[in-house]
Amino acid sequence: MPKVSSPAVPYASYLRVYEPLAAFPEPERGHWERYARRPEHPSYQDELRRSLRDLLPTPPVPVPVHESADAFVAHVDGVLCVCPWRTRLRGWQALGELAEQLPAPVLDAVLPPVVRGQAAADYERWRERNPDARPWIRTSVWQIPLSWFVLVSDGERRYAKGGSAADGDQAPVLRYRTPMVQARRRVARALKALRDTIEEGPLIDGLVDVGRWLEEFHPRSLVELDYGGLVHTLAAGQLDADHSAADVAEGIEALRSGDGAAAAEAYARLVERWRAVRERQFAS
């Protein structure tokens, strides 16, 4: 597709799983094999723009009528791995979470009850036919859950500064990639350390949830944590200095060794860093 300059759509981060081609049944496997041979593939910004465009009609279309045939593609040690968008499934799931995120008057204005009701009914019928379906992508708006950072290590961090206008005004990229076996191992080790030292709470619950999700995929998959649109909320110096995965690992290791003060310091750094990002959500 042509390289055209268009506004970036903020402000979400992503946790993705890329599965090896062998994990997909036919005829889907053949589709992804052909898809991967295309010279270019759409980005996460393209997917977001398509979704936002569907909200413009009256009444809005909260969930695509048809499932996306697009995916993210990666080659891992010579093996083709694919992360299907599954935009329709993720749209249904996100719609179900909106009631917890928006006041009722705002929600009704954006998506009238009749529209939400029809989408919910469509999802229920679809789930009856696809009881084992799960998304390959998780999305978080205006933050990255701390449980996601448990899956990766600072050594897997990759930061690329954005290009200038002469370079096509390329946005910065900050992401981590790790083998599935490593991600699962880190979840298990972190859960043991946390359960031995702190009470049950959101961090443990989030880690249990993401761990169960990872178990749904092929063991030779690739796990990716991508800052996505959040790179637009932070200055270059802040992105360069952001080593949240290292802070999380340091805090867990401190708990494991019984150093509560060091664990508290690591947690304080994380809270301060991500509070500053979330506060931008409400800036005028």
Foldseek 3Di string as FASTA:
>chain_A
DDQDDDDADDDKWKKFKWAFLVQDDPPLSVLVVVVVPDPDADDPRVVVVVQVVQLPDVNGQQADPDFDSGWDWDADPNTITTFGQRRRVVSLVVLVCVPVVDPPVVCCVSHNPVNNVVSPVVVVVVCVVVVPDDHRMDMDHLFDQLLVLLQFALVQWDWDPFDDVVVSRGHIWIKGKDQLVSSLVSLVLLLVLDVVFHDDDDNNVVSVVVNVVSVSGDNRMMIMIISRRNSVQDDPVLSVPDRLSHLSVQLSVCSNVVNNVSNVVSVVVVCVSSVSSNVVVPDD
